């Protein structure tokens, strides 16, 4: 079976860039496209979500519309620390 290219969508949060994620994928020899989407505008997210295998979010609500458009998505993860999440 051939290697799958991973498409990861990171929404808002505290991310300034995707350097750490790119480095981890490179070390693990994973071919990945990482898209960082600023802002919580659903229409902006919708332009990127169709090809995403994974969606990571800190503060952005994942609506039904977003989930229904994310046909290839395998995981939606909420990135946080603490006890009140």
PDB file of N, CA and C in Angstrom:
ATOM      1  N   UNK A   1       0.839  -1.176   0.000  1.00  0.00           N
ATOM      2  CA  UNK A   1       0.000   0.000   0.000  1.00  0.00           C
ATOM      3  C   UNK A   1       0.887   1.243   0.000  1.00  0.00           C
ATOM      4  N   UNK A   2       0.577   2.217  -0.834  1.00  0.00           N
ATOM      5  CA  UNK A   2       1.360   3.439  -0.929  1.00  0.00           C
ATOM      6  C   UNK A   2       1.143   4.349   0.264  1.00  0.00           C
ATOM      7  N   UNK A   3       2.061   5.258   0.433  1.00  0.00           N
ATOM      8  CA  UNK A   3       1.932   6.192   1.540  1.00  0.00           C
ATOM      9  C   UNK A   3       0.844   7.211   1.236  1.00  0.00           C
ATOM     10  N   UNK A   4       0.102   7.548   2.262  1.00  0.00           N
ATOM     11  CA  UNK A   4      -0.976   8.515   2.157  1.00  0.00           C
ATOM     12  C   UNK A   4      -0.450   9.887   2.548  1.00  0.00           C
ATOM     13  N   UNK A   5      -0.799  10.890   1.797  1.00  0.00           N
ATOM     14  CA  UNK A   5      -0.433  12.253   2.165  1.00  0.00           C
ATOM     15  C   UNK A   5      -1.477  12.765   3.146  1.00  0.00           C
ATOM     16  N   UNK A   6      -1.044  13.272   4.279  1.00  0.00           N
ATOM     17  CA  UNK A   6      -1.918  13.758   5.329  1.00  0.00           C
ATOM     18  C   UNK A   6      -2.199  15.241   5.108  1.00  0.00           C
ATOM     19  N   UNK A   7      -3.460  15.590   5.196  1.00  0.00           N
ATOM     20  CA  UNK A   7      -3.859  16.993   5.125  1.00  0.00           C
ATOM     21  C   UNK A   7      -4.431  17.381   6.485  1.00  0.00           C
ATOM     22  N   UNK A   8      -3.734  18.264   7.199  1.00  0.00           N
ATOM     23  CA  UNK A   8      -4.152  18.655   8.536  1.00  0.00           C
ATOM     24  C   UNK A   8      -4.559  20.127   8.521  1.00  0.00           C
ATOM     25  N   UNK A   9      -5.709  20.412   9.096  1.00  0.00           N
ATOM     26  CA  UNK A   9      -6.235  21.762   9.182  1.00  0.00           C
ATOM     27  C   UNK A   9      -6.198  22.194  10.634  1.00  0.00           C
ATOM     28  N   UNK A  10      -5.499  23.279  10.926  1.00  0.00           N
ATOM     29  CA  UNK A  10      -5.421  23.811  12.285  1.00  0.00           C
ATOM     30  C   UNK A  10      -6.201  25.118  12.309  1.00  0.00           C
ATOM     31  N   UNK A  11      -7.158  25.193  13.209  1.00  0.00           N
ATOM     32  CA  UNK A  11      -8.025  26.362  13.290  1.00  0.00           C
ATOM     33  C   UNK A  11      -7.670  27.242  14.476  1.00  0.00           C
ATOM     34  N   UNK A  12      -7.418  28.524  14.189  1.00  0.00           N
ATOM     35  CA  UNK A  12      -7.255  29.569  15.191  1.00  0.00           C
ATOM     36  C   UNK A  12      -6.303  29.168  16.301  1.00  0.00           C
ATOM     37  N   UNK A  13      -6.695  29.410  17.506  1.00  0.00           N
ATOM     38  CA  UNK A  13      -5.888  29.047  18.658  1.00  0.00           C
ATOM     39  C   UNK A  13      -4.704  29.962  18.858  1.00  0.00           C
ATOM     40  N   UNK A  14      -3.666  29.386  19.413  1.00  0.00           N
ATOM     41  CA  UNK A  14      -2.485  30.141  19.792  1.00  0.00           C
ATOM     42  C   UNK A  14      -1.358  29.957  18.800  1.00  0.00           C
ATOM     43  N   UNK A  15      -1.637  29.382  17.672  1.00  0.00           N
ATOM     44  CA  UNK A  15      -0.601  29.059  16.704  1.00  0.00           C
ATOM     45  C   UNK A  15      -0.185  30.281  15.897  1.00  0.00           C
ATOM     46  N   UNK A  16       1.099  30.541  15.859  1.00  0.00           N
ATOM     47  CA  UNK A  16       1.631  31.594  15.004  1.00  0.00           C
ATOM     48  C   UNK A  16       2.083  31.007  13.678  1.00  0.00           C
ATOM     49  N   UNK A  17       2.496  29.741  13.723  1.00  0.00           N
ATOM     50  CA  UNK A  17       2.945  29.051  12.515  1.00  0.00           C
ATOM     51  C   UNK A  17       2.824  27.544  12.756  1.00  0.00           C
ATOM     52  N   UNK A  18       3.271  26.767  11.802  1.00  0.00           N
ATOM     53  CA  UNK A  18       3.163  25.303  11.914  1.00  0.00           C
ATOM     54  C   UNK A  18       4.540  24.636  11.908  1.00  0.00           C
ATOM     55  N   UNK A  19       5.558  25.356  12.338  1.00  0.00           N
ATOM     56  CA  UNK A  19       6.926  24.820  12.299  1.00  0.00           C
ATOM     57  C   UNK A  19       7.083  23.532  13.104  1.00  0.00           C
ATOM     58  N   UNK A  20       6.521  23.492  14.298  1.00  0.00           N
ATOM     59  CA  UNK A  20       6.660  22.304  15.144  1.00  0.00           C
ATOM     60  C   UNK A  20       5.993  21.110  14.484  1.00  0.00           C
ATOM     61  N   UNK A  21       4.778  21.299  13.993  1.00  0.00           N
ATOM     62  CA  UNK A  21       4.052  20.212  13.341  1.00  0.00           C
ATOM     63  C   UNK A  21       4.795  19.726  12.099  1.00  0.00           C
ATOM     64  N   UNK A  22       5.312  20.650  11.316  1.00  0.00           N
ATOM     65  CA  UNK A  22       6.078  20.289  10.121  1.00  0.00           C
ATOM     66  C   UNK A  22       7.319  19.482  10.482  1.00  0.00           C
ATOM     67  N   UNK A  23       7.994  19.884  11.560  1.00  0.00           N
ATOM     68  CA  UNK A  23       9.194  19.175  12.010  1.00  0.00           C
ATOM     69  C   UNK A  23       8.869  17.750  12.452  1.00  0.00           C
ATOM     70  N   UNK A  24       7.778  17.586  13.194  1.00  0.00           N
ATOM     71  CA  UNK A  24       7.380  16.249  13.655  1.00  0.00           C
ATOM     72  C   UNK A  24       7.058  15.361  12.459  1.00  0.00           C
ATOM     73  N   UNK A  25       6.285  15.859  11.514  1.00  0.00           N
ATOM     74  CA  UNK A  25       5.956  15.059  10.328  1.00  0.00           C
ATOM     75  C   UNK A  25       7.209  14.699   9.543  1.00  0.00           C
ATOM     76  N   UNK A  26       8.133  15.632   9.442  1.00  0.00           N
ATOM     77  CA  UNK A  26       9.377  15.375   8.712  1.00  0.00           C
ATOM     78  C   UNK A  26      10.186  14.278   9.395  1.00  0.00           C
ATOM     79  N   UNK A  27      10.313  14.363  10.726  1.00  0.00           N
ATOM     80  CA  UNK A  27      11.042  13.346  11.482  1.00  0.00           C
ATOM     81  C   UNK A  27      10.408  11.971  11.334  1.00  0.00           C
ATOM     82  N   UNK A  28       9.097  11.930  11.260  1.00  0.00           N
ATOM     83  CA  UNK A  28       8.373  10.659  11.134  1.00  0.00           C
ATOM     84  C   UNK A  28       8.208  10.225   9.682  1.00  0.00           C
ATOM     85  N   UNK A  29       8.791  11.017   8.773  1.00  0.00           N
ATOM     86  CA  UNK A  29       8.731  10.730   7.331  1.00  0.00           C
ATOM     87  C   UNK A  29       7.290  10.637   6.822  1.00  0.00           C
ATOM     88  N   UNK A  30       6.468  11.581   7.274  1.00  0.00           N
ATOM     89  CA  UNK A  30       5.077  11.666   6.846  1.00  0.00           C
ATOM     90  C   UNK A  30       4.942  12.839   5.892  1.00  0.00           C
ATOM     91  N   UNK A  31       4.408  12.572   4.726  1.00  0.00           N
ATOM     92  CA  UNK A  31       4.154  13.620   3.750  1.00  0.00           C
ATOM     93  C   UNK A  31       2.872  14.330   4.163  1.00  0.00           C
ATOM     94  N   UNK A  32       2.951  15.610   4.523  1.00  0.00           N
ATOM     95  CA  UNK A  32       1.788  16.301   5.065  1.00  0.00           C
ATOM     96  C   UNK A  32       1.666  17.720   4.540  1.00  0.00           C
ATOM     97  N   UNK A  33       0.428  18.108   4.308  1.00  0.00           N
ATOM     98  CA  UNK A  33       0.085  19.500   4.049  1.00  0.00           C
ATOM     99  C   UNK A  33      -0.608  20.010   5.301  1.00  0.00           C
ATOM    100  N   UNK A  34      -0.058  21.063   5.879  1.00  0.00           N
ATOM    101  CA  UNK A  34      -0.643  21.629   7.084  1.00  0.00           C
ATOM    102  C   UNK A  34      -1.137  23.023   6.745  1.00  0.00           C
ATOM    103  N   UNK A  35      -2.415  23.262   7.003  1.00  0.00           N
ATOM    104  CA  UNK A  35      -3.023  24.555   6.713  1.00  0.00           C
ATOM    105  C   UNK A  35      -3.448  25.181   8.027  1.00  0.00           C
ATOM    106  N   UNK A  36      -2.983  26.399   8.271  1.00  0.00           N
ATOM    107  CA  UNK A  36      -3.349  27.147   9.466  1.00  0.00           C
ATOM    108  C   UNK A  36      -4.379  28.195   9.055  1.00  0.00           C
ATOM    109  N   UNK A  37      -5.578  28.104   9.618  1.00  0.00           N
ATOM    110  CA  UNK A  37      -6.659  29.024   9.281  1.00  0.00           C
ATOM    111  C   UNK A  37      -6.884  29.957  10.456  1.00  0.00           C
ATOM    112  N   UNK A  38      -6.685  31.245  10.229  1.00  0.00           N
ATOM    113  CA  UNK A  38      -6.899  32.237  11.278  1.00  0.00           C
ATOM    114  C   UNK A  38      -8.338  32.715  11.248  1.00  0.00           C
ATOM    115  N   UNK A  39      -8.878  32.941  12.420  1.00  0.00           N
ATOM    116  CA  UNK A  39     -10.250  33.420  12.520  1.00  0.00           C
ATOM    117  C   UNK A  39     -11.234  32.275  12.614  1.00  0.00           C
ATOM    118  N   UNK A  40     -12.394  32.582  13.127  1.00  0.00           N
ATOM    119  CA  UNK A  40     -13.398  31.554  13.343  1.00  0.00           C
ATOM    120  C   UNK A  40     -14.530  31.646  12.335  1.00  0.00           C
ATOM    121  N   UNK A  41     -14.307  32.333  11.240  1.00  0.00           N
ATOM    122  CA  UNK A  41     -15.352  32.510  10.246  1.00  0.00           C
ATOM    123  C   UNK A  41     -15.643  31.181   9.545  1.00  0.00           C
ATOM    124  N   UNK A  42     -16.864  30.706   9.680  1.00  0.00           N
ATOM    125  CA  UNK A  42     -17.237  29.413   9.125  1.00  0.00           C
ATOM    126  C   UNK A  42     -17.028  29.349   7.615  1.00  0.00           C
ATOM    127  N   UNK A  43     -17.311  30.418   6.911  1.00  0.00           N
ATOM    128  CA  UNK A  43     -17.140  30.421   5.452  1.00  0.00           C
ATOM    129  C   UNK A  43     -15.674  30.280   5.052  1.00  0.00           C
ATOM    130  N   UNK A  44     -14.784  30.865   5.825  1.00  0.00           N
ATOM    131  CA  UNK A  44     -13.344  30.717   5.559  1.00  0.00           C
ATOM    132  C   UNK A  44     -12.923  29.272   5.811  1.00  0.00           C
ATOM    133  N   UNK A  45     -13.376  28.691   6.898  1.00  0.00           N
ATOM    134  CA  UNK A  45     -13.059  27.298   7.217  1.00  0.00           C
ATOM    135  C   UNK A  45     -13.576  26.373   6.121  1.00  0.00           C
ATOM    136  N   UNK A  46     -14.758  26.644   5.625  1.00  0.00           N
ATOM    137  CA  UNK A  46     -15.365  25.802   4.598  1.00  0.00           C
ATOM    138  C   UNK A  46     -14.514  25.737   3.330  1.00  0.00           C
ATOM    139  N   UNK A  47     -13.730  26.756   3.050  1.00  0.00           N
ATOM    140  CA  UNK A  47     -12.865  26.752   1.856  1.00  0.00           C
ATOM    141  C   UNK A  47     -11.713  25.757   1.986  1.00  0.00           C
ATOM    142  N   UNK A  48     -11.422  25.318   3.205  1.00  0.00           N
ATOM    143  CA  UNK A  48     -10.258  24.459   3.450  1.00  0.00           C
ATOM    144  C   UNK A  48     -10.596  23.056   3.930  1.00  0.00           C
ATOM    145  N   UNK A  49     -11.784  22.837   4.402  1.00  0.00           N
ATOM    146  CA  UNK A  49     -12.104  21.620   5.143  1.00  0.00           C
ATOM    147  C   UNK A  49     -12.293  20.372   4.271  1.00  0.00           C
ATOM    148  N   UNK A  50     -12.633  20.523   3.023  1.00  0.00           N
ATOM    149  CA  UNK A  50     -12.971  19.360   2.187  1.00  0.00           C
ATOM    150  C   UNK A  50     -11.839  18.339   2.075  1.00  0.00           C
ATOM    151  N   UNK A  51     -10.602  18.777   2.039  1.00  0.00           N
ATOM    152  CA  UNK A  51      -9.469  17.875   1.866  1.00  0.00           C
ATOM    153  C   UNK A  51      -8.796  17.471   3.171  1.00  0.00           C
ATOM    154  N   UNK A  52      -9.316  17.936   4.294  1.00  0.00           N
ATOM    155  CA  UNK A  52      -8.656  17.689   5.583  1.00  0.00           C
ATOM    156  C   UNK A  52      -8.862  16.265   6.071  1.00  0.00           C
ATOM    157  N   UNK A  53      -7.772  15.603   6.431  1.00  0.00           N
ATOM    158  CA  UNK A  53      -7.822  14.299   7.100  1.00  0.00           C
ATOM    159  C   UNK A  53      -7.999  14.487   8.603  1.00  0.00           C
ATOM    160  N   UNK A  54      -7.515  15.619   9.110  1.00  0.00           N
ATOM    161  CA  UNK A  54      -7.586  15.919  10.539  1.00  0.00           C
ATOM    162  C   UNK A  54      -7.869  17.400  10.723  1.00  0.00           C
ATOM    163  N   UNK A  55      -8.666  17.705  11.742  1.00  0.00           N
ATOM    164  CA  UNK A  55      -8.954  19.091  12.108  1.00  0.00           C
ATOM    165  C   UNK A  55      -8.578  19.266  13.563  1.00  0.00           C
ATOM    166  N   UNK A  56      -7.726  20.246  13.831  1.00  0.00           N
ATOM    167  CA  UNK A  56      -7.337  20.571  15.194  1.00  0.00           C
ATOM    168  C   UNK A  56      -7.853  21.958  15.507  1.00  0.00           C
ATOM    169  N   UNK A  57      -8.443  22.123  16.672  1.00  0.00           N
ATOM    170  CA  UNK A  57      -8.992  23.410  17.051  1.00  0.00           C
ATOM    171  C   UNK A  57      -8.720  23.693  18.521  1.00  0.00           C
ATOM    172  N   UNK A  58      -8.612  24.955  18.845  1.00  0.00           N
ATOM    173  CA  UNK A  58      -8.483  25.379  20.241  1.00  0.00           C
ATOM    174  C   UNK A  58      -9.756  26.078  20.691  1.00  0.00           C
ATOM    175  N   UNK A  59     -10.204  27.022  19.887  1.00  0.00           N
ATOM    176  CA  UNK A  59     -11.309  27.877  20.287  1.00  0.00           C
ATOM    177  C   UNK A  59     -12.470  27.875  19.307  1.00  0.00           C
ATOM    178  N   UNK A  60     -12.285  27.322  18.144  1.00  0.00           N
ATOM    179  CA  UNK A  60     -13.288  27.397  17.095  1.00  0.00           C
ATOM    180  C   UNK A  60     -14.287  26.253  17.232  1.00  0.00           C
ATOM    181  N   UNK A  61     -15.562  26.600  17.241  1.00  0.00           N
ATOM    182  CA  UNK A  61     -16.608  25.589  17.297  1.00  0.00           C
ATOM    183  C   UNK A  61     -16.702  24.871  15.955  1.00  0.00           C
ATOM    184  N   UNK A  62     -16.740  23.561  15.999  1.00  0.00           N
ATOM    185  CA  UNK A  62     -16.897  22.764  14.786  1.00  0.00           C
ATOM    186  C   UNK A  62     -18.389  22.519  14.607  1.00  0.00           C
ATOM    187  N   UNK A  63     -18.967  23.190  13.633  1.00  0.00           N
ATOM    188  CA  UNK A  63     -20.403  23.120  13.410  1.00  0.00           C
ATOM    189  C   UNK A  63     -20.766  21.890  12.579  1.00  0.00           C
ATOM    190  N   UNK A  64     -22.038  21.582  12.536  1.00  0.00           N
ATOM    191  CA  UNK A  64     -22.540  20.487  11.706  1.00  0.00           C
ATOM    192  C   UNK A  64     -22.154  20.725  10.246  1.00  0.00           C
ATOM    193  N   UNK A  65     -22.276  21.962   9.789  1.00  0.00           N
ATOM    194  CA  UNK A  65     -21.932  22.300   8.400  1.00  0.00           C
ATOM    195  C   UNK A  65     -20.475  21.968   8.090  1.00  0.00           C
ATOM    196  N   UNK A  66     -19.585  22.292   9.004  1.00  0.00           N
ATOM    197  CA  UNK A  66     -18.159  21.994   8.825  1.00  0.00           C
ATOM    198  C   UNK A  66     -17.952  20.478   8.790  1.00  0.00           C
ATOM    199  N   UNK A  67     -18.541  19.768   9.735  1.00  0.00           N
ATOM    200  CA  UNK A  67     -18.378  18.305   9.783  1.00  0.00           C
ATOM    201  C   UNK A  67     -18.919  17.634   8.523  1.00  0.00           C
ATOM    202  N   UNK A  68     -20.054  18.079   8.058  1.00  0.00           N
ATOM    203  CA  UNK A  68     -20.633  17.477   6.855  1.00  0.00           C
ATOM    204  C   UNK A  68     -19.786  17.733   5.619  1.00  0.00           C
ATOM    205  N   UNK A  69     -19.067  18.852   5.589  1.00  0.00           N
ATOM    206  CA  UNK A  69     -18.210  19.175   4.455  1.00  0.00           C
ATOM    207  C   UNK A  69     -16.862  18.458   4.527  1.00  0.00           C
ATOM    208  N   UNK A  70     -16.510  17.973   5.705  1.00  0.00           N
ATOM    209  CA  UNK A  70     -15.209  17.325   5.924  1.00  0.00           C
ATOM    210  C   UNK A  70     -15.314  15.834   5.610  1.00  0.00           C
ATOM    211  N   UNK A  71     -15.559  15.500   4.381  1.00  0.00           N
ATOM    212  CA  UNK A  71     -15.819  14.119   3.953  1.00  0.00           C
ATOM    213  C   UNK A  71     -14.643  13.173   4.197  1.00  0.00           C
ATOM    214  N   UNK A  72     -13.408  13.673   4.114  1.00  0.00           N
ATOM    215  CA  UNK A  72     -12.224  12.826   4.283  1.00  0.00           C
ATOM    216  C   UNK A  72     -11.706  12.788   5.721  1.00  0.00           C
ATOM    217  N   UNK A  73     -12.268  13.611   6.580  1.00  0.00           N
ATOM    218  CA  UNK A  73     -11.752  13.783   7.938  1.00  0.00           C
ATOM    219  C   UNK A  73     -11.893  12.509   8.769  1.00  0.00           C
ATOM    220  N   UNK A  74     -10.800  12.149   9.438  1.00  0.00           N
ATOM    221  CA  UNK A  74     -10.764  10.968  10.301  1.00  0.00           C
ATOM    222  C   UNK A  74     -10.834  11.327  11.783  1.00  0.00           C
ATOM    223  N   UNK A  75     -10.395  12.559  12.118  1.00  0.00           N
ATOM    224  CA  UNK A  75     -10.363  12.965  13.524  1.00  0.00           C
ATOM    225  C   UNK A  75     -10.539  14.482  13.632  1.00  0.00           C
ATOM    226  N   UNK A  76     -11.291  14.874  14.659  1.00  0.00           N
ATOM    227  CA  UNK A  76     -11.399  16.270  15.061  1.00  0.00           C
ATOM    228  C   UNK A  76     -10.899  16.306  16.494  1.00  0.00           C
ATOM    229  N   UNK A  77      -9.870  17.110  16.751  1.00  0.00           N
ATOM    230  CA  UNK A  77      -9.271  17.148  18.086  1.00  0.00           C
ATOM    231  C   UNK A  77      -9.305  18.559  18.649  1.00  0.00           C
ATOM    232  N   UNK A  78      -9.632  18.637  19.909  1.00  0.00           N
ATOM    233  CA  UNK A  78      -9.634  19.897  20.647  1.00  0.00           C
ATOM    234  C   UNK A  78      -8.316  19.980  21.402  1.00  0.00           C
ATOM    235  N   UNK A  79      -7.520  20.975  21.078  1.00  0.00           N
ATOM    236  CA  UNK A  79      -6.185  21.119  21.668  1.00  0.00           C
ATOM    237  C   UNK A  79      -6.292  22.041  22.885  1.00  0.00           C
ATOM    238  N   UNK A  80      -5.965  21.523  24.038  1.00  0.00           N
ATOM    239  CA  UNK A  80      -6.041  22.343  25.240  1.00  0.00           C
ATOM    240  C   UNK A  80      -5.301  21.660  26.378  1.00  0.00           C
ATOM    241  N   UNK A  81      -5.138  22.399  27.430  1.00  0.00           N
ATOM    242  CA  UNK A  81      -4.593  21.867  28.676  1.00  0.00           C
ATOM    243  C   UNK A  81      -5.476  22.361  29.806  1.00  0.00           C
ATOM    244  N   UNK A  82      -5.393  21.714  30.919  1.00  0.00           N
ATOM    245  CA  UNK A  82      -6.164  22.146  32.065  1.00  0.00           C
ATOM    246  C   UNK A  82      -7.269  21.175  32.403  1.00  0.00           C
ATOM    247  N   UNK A  83      -8.154  21.619  33.267  1.00  0.00           N
ATOM    248  CA  UNK A  83      -9.195  20.740  33.784  1.00  0.00           C
ATOM    249  C   UNK A  83     -10.610  21.237  33.484  1.00  0.00           C
ATOM    250  N   UNK A  84     -10.755  22.363  32.837  1.00  0.00           N
ATOM    251  CA  UNK A  84     -12.084  22.925  32.617  1.00  0.00           C
ATOM    252  C   UNK A  84     -12.491  22.892  31.141  1.00  0.00           C
ATOM    253  N   UNK A  85     -12.047  21.881  30.417  1.00  0.00           N
ATOM    254  CA  UNK A  85     -12.331  21.819  28.988  1.00  0.00           C
ATOM    255  C   UNK A  85     -13.466  20.896  28.678  1.00  0.00           C
TER     256      UNK A  85
END
